[in-house]
């Protein structure tokens, strides 16, 4: 049986929403935005294409910028 994986690139506004939510819980000075998983592979999943990894990082950058505007 071949397993397929779903790769999701979160929208920057969703990333910002999550950052702001956590910041309100634990304080903005205690939050560092980062990816929530690695870009490595699992035994049943093909390697992630670099363009997808870069898109995920770009969304993180844009989301962090949006959150910064809301928090500071």
PDB file of N, CA and C in Angstrom:
ATOM      1  N   UNK A   1       0.841  -1.173   0.000  1.00  0.00           N
ATOM      2  CA  UNK A   1       0.000   0.000   0.000  1.00  0.00           C
ATOM      3  C   UNK A   1       0.890   1.240   0.000  1.00  0.00           C
ATOM      4  N   UNK A   2       0.613   2.131  -0.910  1.00  0.00           N
ATOM      5  CA  UNK A   2       1.383   3.372  -1.000  1.00  0.00           C
ATOM      6  C   UNK A   2       0.651   4.470  -0.230  1.00  0.00           C
ATOM      7  N   UNK A   3       1.374   5.134   0.663  1.00  0.00           N
ATOM      8  CA  UNK A   3       0.771   6.205   1.448  1.00  0.00           C
ATOM      9  C   UNK A   3       1.115   7.534   0.818  1.00  0.00           C
ATOM     10  N   UNK A   4       0.178   8.453   0.854  1.00  0.00           N
ATOM     11  CA  UNK A   4       0.398   9.795   0.340  1.00  0.00           C
ATOM     12  C   UNK A   4       0.363  10.777   1.503  1.00  0.00           C
ATOM     13  N   UNK A   5       1.071  11.841   1.348  1.00  0.00           N
ATOM     14  CA  UNK A   5       1.055  12.860   2.384  1.00  0.00           C
ATOM     15  C   UNK A   5       0.484  14.145   1.806  1.00  0.00           C
ATOM     16  N   UNK A   6      -0.080  14.946   2.663  1.00  0.00           N
ATOM     17  CA  UNK A   6      -0.616  16.238   2.281  1.00  0.00           C
ATOM     18  C   UNK A   6       0.317  17.303   2.828  1.00  0.00           C
ATOM     19  N   UNK A   7       0.815  18.143   1.959  1.00  0.00           N
ATOM     20  CA  UNK A   7       1.706  19.218   2.380  1.00  0.00           C
ATOM     21  C   UNK A   7       0.915  20.513   2.346  1.00  0.00           C
ATOM     22  N   UNK A   8       0.908  21.212   3.465  1.00  0.00           N
ATOM     23  CA  UNK A   8       0.143  22.439   3.587  1.00  0.00           C
ATOM     24  C   UNK A   8       1.096  23.601   3.836  1.00  0.00           C
ATOM     25  N   UNK A   9       0.902  24.669   3.076  1.00  0.00           N
ATOM     26  CA  UNK A   9       1.616  25.918   3.338  1.00  0.00           C
ATOM     27  C   UNK A   9       0.592  26.853   3.968  1.00  0.00           C
ATOM     28  N   UNK A  10       0.770  27.136   5.245  1.00  0.00           N
ATOM     29  CA  UNK A  10      -0.175  27.975   5.970  1.00  0.00           C
ATOM     30  C   UNK A  10      -0.137  29.406   5.445  1.00  0.00           C
ATOM     31  N   UNK A  11      -1.287  30.046   5.421  1.00  0.00           N
ATOM     32  CA  UNK A  11      -1.379  31.440   4.999  1.00  0.00           C
ATOM     33  C   UNK A  11      -0.708  32.315   6.060  1.00  0.00           C
ATOM     34  N   UNK A  12      -0.013  33.376   5.655  1.00  0.00           N
ATOM     35  CA  UNK A  12       0.651  34.248   6.629  1.00  0.00           C
ATOM     36  C   UNK A  12      -0.290  34.796   7.709  1.00  0.00           C
ATOM     37  N   UNK A  13      -1.532  35.052   7.367  1.00  0.00           N
ATOM     38  CA  UNK A  13      -2.475  35.553   8.379  1.00  0.00           C
ATOM     39  C   UNK A  13      -2.773  34.498   9.440  1.00  0.00           C
ATOM     40  N   UNK A  14      -2.806  33.236   9.042  1.00  0.00           N
ATOM     41  CA  UNK A  14      -2.987  32.154  10.013  1.00  0.00           C
ATOM     42  C   UNK A  14      -1.758  32.048  10.915  1.00  0.00           C
ATOM     43  N   UNK A  15      -0.586  32.168  10.322  1.00  0.00           N
ATOM     44  CA  UNK A  15       0.655  32.141  11.107  1.00  0.00           C
ATOM     45  C   UNK A  15       0.645  33.287  12.125  1.00  0.00           C
ATOM     46  N   UNK A  16       0.273  34.479  11.670  1.00  0.00           N
ATOM     47  CA  UNK A  16       0.217  35.643  12.568  1.00  0.00           C
ATOM     48  C   UNK A  16      -0.786  35.420  13.688  1.00  0.00           C
ATOM     49  N   UNK A  17      -1.923  34.874  13.354  1.00  0.00           N
ATOM     50  CA  UNK A  17      -2.961  34.604  14.351  1.00  0.00           C
ATOM     51  C   UNK A  17      -2.437  33.675  15.444  1.00  0.00           C
ATOM     52  N   UNK A  18      -1.725  32.649  15.046  1.00  0.00           N
ATOM     53  CA  UNK A  18      -1.171  31.711  16.023  1.00  0.00           C
ATOM     54  C   UNK A  18      -0.115  32.377  16.900  1.00  0.00           C
ATOM     55  N   UNK A  19       0.748  33.174  16.292  1.00  0.00           N
ATOM     56  CA  UNK A  19       1.784  33.867  17.068  1.00  0.00           C
ATOM     57  C   UNK A  19       1.157  34.810  18.081  1.00  0.00           C
ATOM     58  N   UNK A  20       0.170  35.576  17.656  1.00  0.00           N
ATOM     59  CA  UNK A  20      -0.498  36.519  18.554  1.00  0.00           C
ATOM     60  C   UNK A  20      -1.204  35.778  19.679  1.00  0.00           C
ATOM     61  N   UNK A  21      -1.874  34.681  19.356  1.00  0.00           N
ATOM     62  CA  UNK A  21      -2.585  33.898  20.372  1.00  0.00           C
ATOM     63  C   UNK A  21      -1.620  33.405  21.446  1.00  0.00           C
ATOM     64  N   UNK A  22      -0.499  32.831  21.037  1.00  0.00           N
ATOM     65  CA  UNK A  22       0.472  32.339  22.019  1.00  0.00           C
ATOM     66  C   UNK A  22       1.099  33.485  22.798  1.00  0.00           C
ATOM     67  N   UNK A  23       1.348  34.599  22.118  1.00  0.00           N
ATOM     68  CA  UNK A  23       1.935  35.752  22.794  1.00  0.00           C
ATOM     69  C   UNK A  23       1.040  36.281  23.899  1.00  0.00           C
ATOM     70  N   UNK A  24      -0.264  36.256  23.668  1.00  0.00           N
ATOM     71  CA  UNK A  24      -1.201  36.713  24.689  1.00  0.00           C
ATOM     72  C   UNK A  24      -1.245  35.764  25.884  1.00  0.00           C
ATOM     73  N   UNK A  25      -0.945  34.497  25.650  1.00  0.00           N
ATOM     74  CA  UNK A  25      -0.938  33.513  26.737  1.00  0.00           C
ATOM     75  C   UNK A  25       0.325  33.600  27.589  1.00  0.00           C
ATOM     76  N   UNK A  26       1.474  33.720  26.940  1.00  0.00           N
ATOM     77  CA  UNK A  26       2.731  33.614  27.688  1.00  0.00           C
ATOM     78  C   UNK A  26       3.581  34.875  27.644  1.00  0.00           C
ATOM     79  N   UNK A  27       3.115  35.905  26.962  1.00  0.00           N
ATOM     80  CA  UNK A  27       3.876  37.146  26.876  1.00  0.00           C
ATOM     81  C   UNK A  27       4.688  37.214  25.606  1.00  0.00           C
ATOM     82  N   UNK A  28       4.588  38.346  24.933  1.00  0.00           N
ATOM     83  CA  UNK A  28       5.248  38.483  23.636  1.00  0.00           C
ATOM     84  C   UNK A  28       6.759  38.332  23.710  1.00  0.00           C
ATOM     85  N   UNK A  29       7.346  38.662  24.844  1.00  0.00           N
ATOM     86  CA  UNK A  29       8.802  38.548  24.980  1.00  0.00           C
ATOM     87  C   UNK A  29       9.264  37.094  25.111  1.00  0.00           C
ATOM     88  N   UNK A  30       8.328  36.173  25.265  1.00  0.00           N
ATOM     89  CA  UNK A  30       8.654  34.757  25.418  1.00  0.00           C
ATOM     90  C   UNK A  30       8.361  33.930  24.177  1.00  0.00           C
ATOM     91  N   UNK A  31       8.059  34.577  23.061  1.00  0.00           N
ATOM     92  CA  UNK A  31       7.676  33.855  21.847  1.00  0.00           C
ATOM     93  C   UNK A  31       8.729  34.044  20.761  1.00  0.00           C
ATOM     94  N   UNK A  32       9.117  32.949  20.165  1.00  0.00           N
ATOM     95  CA  UNK A  32       9.999  32.958  19.004  1.00  0.00           C
ATOM     96  C   UNK A  32       9.288  32.162  17.915  1.00  0.00           C
ATOM     97  N   UNK A  33       9.033  32.782  16.797  1.00  0.00           N
ATOM     98  CA  UNK A  33       8.354  32.099  15.700  1.00  0.00           C
ATOM     99  C   UNK A  33       9.327  31.157  15.004  1.00  0.00           C
ATOM    100  N   UNK A  34       8.872  29.940  14.772  1.00  0.00           N
ATOM    101  CA  UNK A  34       9.687  28.958  14.058  1.00  0.00           C
ATOM    102  C   UNK A  34       8.755  27.930  13.435  1.00  0.00           C
ATOM    103  N   UNK A  35       9.321  27.045  12.660  1.00  0.00           N
ATOM    104  CA  UNK A  35       8.517  25.985  12.055  1.00  0.00           C
ATOM    105  C   UNK A  35       8.117  24.992  13.138  1.00  0.00           C
ATOM    106  N   UNK A  36       6.989  24.328  12.935  1.00  0.00           N
ATOM    107  CA  UNK A  36       6.518  23.372  13.935  1.00  0.00           C
ATOM    108  C   UNK A  36       6.933  21.942  13.621  1.00  0.00           C
ATOM    109  N   UNK A  37       7.629  21.756  12.521  1.00  0.00           N
ATOM    110  CA  UNK A  37       8.115  20.418  12.185  1.00  0.00           C
ATOM    111  C   UNK A  37       9.353  20.573  11.307  1.00  0.00           C
ATOM    112  N   UNK A  38      10.037  19.495  11.149  1.00  0.00           N
ATOM    113  CA  UNK A  38      11.203  19.529  10.281  1.00  0.00           C
ATOM    114  C   UNK A  38      10.805  19.396   8.824  1.00  0.00           C
ATOM    115  N   UNK A  39      11.751  19.576   7.956  1.00  0.00           N
ATOM    116  CA  UNK A  39      11.504  19.408   6.538  1.00  0.00           C
ATOM    117  C   UNK A  39      12.098  18.094   6.052  1.00  0.00           C
ATOM    118  N   UNK A  40      12.382  17.215   6.975  1.00  0.00           N
ATOM    119  CA  UNK A  40      12.955  15.927   6.623  1.00  0.00           C
ATOM    120  C   UNK A  40      11.904  14.985   6.067  1.00  0.00           C
ATOM    121  N   UNK A  41      12.272  13.771   5.939  1.00  0.00           N
ATOM    122  CA  UNK A  41      11.366  12.779   5.369  1.00  0.00           C
ATOM    123  C   UNK A  41      11.001  11.729   6.403  1.00  0.00           C
ATOM    124  N   UNK A  42       9.912  11.067   6.141  1.00  0.00           N
ATOM    125  CA  UNK A  42       9.521   9.882   6.888  1.00  0.00           C
ATOM    126  C   UNK A  42       9.786   8.688   5.991  1.00  0.00           C
ATOM    127  N   UNK A  43       9.739   7.515   6.533  1.00  0.00           N
ATOM    128  CA  UNK A  43      10.064   6.337   5.730  1.00  0.00           C
ATOM    129  C   UNK A  43       9.101   6.131   4.570  1.00  0.00           C
ATOM    130  N   UNK A  44       7.881   6.643   4.677  1.00  0.00           N
ATOM    131  CA  UNK A  44       6.886   6.428   3.624  1.00  0.00           C
ATOM    132  C   UNK A  44       6.574   7.672   2.802  1.00  0.00           C
ATOM    133  N   UNK A  45       7.294   8.751   3.043  1.00  0.00           N
ATOM    134  CA  UNK A  45       7.018  10.009   2.356  1.00  0.00           C
ATOM    135  C   UNK A  45       8.245  10.414   1.550  1.00  0.00           C
ATOM    136  N   UNK A  46       8.000  10.863   0.340  1.00  0.00           N
ATOM    137  CA  UNK A  46       9.108  11.354  -0.474  1.00  0.00           C
ATOM    138  C   UNK A  46       9.623  12.670   0.113  1.00  0.00           C
ATOM    139  N   UNK A  47      10.819  13.003  -0.241  1.00  0.00           N
ATOM    140  CA  UNK A  47      11.445  14.228   0.240  1.00  0.00           C
ATOM    141  C   UNK A  47      10.642  15.453  -0.194  1.00  0.00           C
ATOM    142  N   UNK A  48      10.554  16.453   0.685  1.00  0.00           N
ATOM    143  CA  UNK A  48       9.846  17.675   0.366  1.00  0.00           C
ATOM    144  C   UNK A  48      10.645  18.476  -0.658  1.00  0.00           C
ATOM    145  N   UNK A  49       9.959  18.967  -1.654  1.00  0.00           N
ATOM    146  CA  UNK A  49      10.627  19.757  -2.684  1.00  0.00           C
ATOM    147  C   UNK A  49      11.083  21.090  -2.082  1.00  0.00           C
ATOM    148  N   UNK A  50      12.261  21.548  -2.441  1.00  0.00           N
ATOM    149  CA  UNK A  50      12.779  22.796  -1.864  1.00  0.00           C
ATOM    150  C   UNK A  50      11.851  24.003  -2.048  1.00  0.00           C
ATOM    151  N   UNK A  51      11.127  24.076  -3.141  1.00  0.00           N
ATOM    152  CA  UNK A  51      10.239  25.228  -3.333  1.00  0.00           C
ATOM    153  C   UNK A  51       9.117  25.251  -2.298  1.00  0.00           C
ATOM    154  N   UNK A  52       8.686  24.086  -1.852  1.00  0.00           N
ATOM    155  CA  UNK A  52       7.659  24.027  -0.816  1.00  0.00           C
ATOM    156  C   UNK A  52       8.244  24.445   0.529  1.00  0.00           C
ATOM    157  N   UNK A  53       9.434  23.973   0.826  1.00  0.00           N
ATOM    158  CA  UNK A  53      10.094  24.373   2.077  1.00  0.00           C
ATOM    159  C   UNK A  53      10.296  25.886   2.122  1.00  0.00           C
ATOM    160  N   UNK A  54      10.730  26.466   1.020  1.00  0.00           N
ATOM    161  CA  UNK A  54      10.931  27.915   0.968  1.00  0.00           C
ATOM    162  C   UNK A  54       9.606  28.657   1.084  1.00  0.00           C
ATOM    163  N   UNK A  55       8.540  28.114   0.483  1.00  0.00           N
ATOM    164  CA  UNK A  55       7.218  28.750   0.590  1.00  0.00           C
ATOM    165  C   UNK A  55       6.740  28.748   2.040  1.00  0.00           C
ATOM    166  N   UNK A  56       6.991  27.648   2.754  1.00  0.00           N
ATOM    167  CA  UNK A  56       6.606  27.581   4.158  1.00  0.00           C
ATOM    168  C   UNK A  56       7.392  28.604   4.992  1.00  0.00           C
ATOM    169  N   UNK A  57       8.666  28.740   4.702  1.00  0.00           N
ATOM    170  CA  UNK A  57       9.478  29.717   5.426  1.00  0.00           C
ATOM    171  C   UNK A  57       9.055  31.146   5.085  1.00  0.00           C
ATOM    172  N   UNK A  58       8.710  31.403   3.825  1.00  0.00           N
ATOM    173  CA  UNK A  58       8.245  32.738   3.432  1.00  0.00           C
ATOM    174  C   UNK A  58       6.954  33.092   4.159  1.00  0.00           C
ATOM    175  N   UNK A  59       6.057  32.124   4.279  1.00  0.00           N
ATOM    176  CA  UNK A  59       4.808  32.349   5.003  1.00  0.00           C
ATOM    177  C   UNK A  59       5.085  32.652   6.471  1.00  0.00           C
ATOM    178  N   UNK A  60       6.063  31.972   7.049  1.00  0.00           N
ATOM    179  CA  UNK A  60       6.448  32.231   8.435  1.00  0.00           C
ATOM    180  C   UNK A  60       6.985  33.656   8.594  1.00  0.00           C
ATOM    181  N   UNK A  61       7.826  34.079   7.670  1.00  0.00           N
ATOM    182  CA  UNK A  61       8.386  35.437   7.724  1.00  0.00           C
ATOM    183  C   UNK A  61       7.270  36.475   7.636  1.00  0.00           C
ATOM    184  N   UNK A  62       6.374  36.301   6.670  1.00  0.00           N
ATOM    185  CA  UNK A  62       5.284  37.262   6.489  1.00  0.00           C
ATOM    186  C   UNK A  62       4.324  37.251   7.688  1.00  0.00           C
ATOM    187  N   UNK A  63       4.040  36.071   8.206  1.00  0.00           N
ATOM    188  CA  UNK A  63       3.169  35.965   9.376  1.00  0.00           C
ATOM    189  C   UNK A  63       3.781  36.602  10.608  1.00  0.00           C
ATOM    190  N   UNK A  64       5.079  36.401  10.787  1.00  0.00           N
ATOM    191  CA  UNK A  64       5.764  37.010  11.932  1.00  0.00           C
ATOM    192  C   UNK A  64       5.750  38.531  11.816  1.00  0.00           C
ATOM    193  N   UNK A  65       5.899  39.048  10.605  1.00  0.00           N
ATOM    194  CA  UNK A  65       5.848  40.503  10.413  1.00  0.00           C
ATOM    195  C   UNK A  65       4.459  41.045  10.747  1.00  0.00           C
ATOM    196  N   UNK A  66       3.421  40.340  10.327  1.00  0.00           N
ATOM    197  CA  UNK A  66       2.051  40.757  10.649  1.00  0.00           C
ATOM    198  C   UNK A  66       1.813  40.724  12.161  1.00  0.00           C
ATOM    199  N   UNK A  67       2.273  39.679  12.806  1.00  0.00           N
ATOM    200  CA  UNK A  67       2.101  39.552  14.258  1.00  0.00           C
ATOM    201  C   UNK A  67       2.856  40.644  15.000  1.00  0.00           C
ATOM    202  N   UNK A  68       4.035  40.970  14.520  1.00  0.00           N
ATOM    203  CA  UNK A  68       4.834  42.022  15.144  1.00  0.00           C
ATOM    204  C   UNK A  68       4.089  43.352  15.109  1.00  0.00           C
ATOM    205  N   UNK A  69       3.455  43.653  13.984  1.00  0.00           N
ATOM    206  CA  UNK A  69       2.688  44.893  13.871  1.00  0.00           C
ATOM    207  C   UNK A  69       1.545  44.923  14.876  1.00  0.00           C
ATOM    208  N   UNK A  70       0.940  43.766  15.137  1.00  0.00           N
ATOM    209  CA  UNK A  70      -0.173  43.707  16.086  1.00  0.00           C
ATOM    210  C   UNK A  70       0.304  43.775  17.534  1.00  0.00           C
ATOM    211  N   UNK A  71       1.457  43.226  17.801  1.00  0.00           N
ATOM    212  CA  UNK A  71       1.919  43.087  19.183  1.00  0.00           C
ATOM    213  C   UNK A  71       2.763  44.266  19.675  1.00  0.00           C
ATOM    214  N   UNK A  72       3.376  45.020  18.777  1.00  0.00           N
ATOM    215  CA  UNK A  72       4.286  46.079  19.210  1.00  0.00           C
ATOM    216  C   UNK A  72       3.824  47.434  18.759  1.00  0.00           C
TER     217      UNK A  72
END
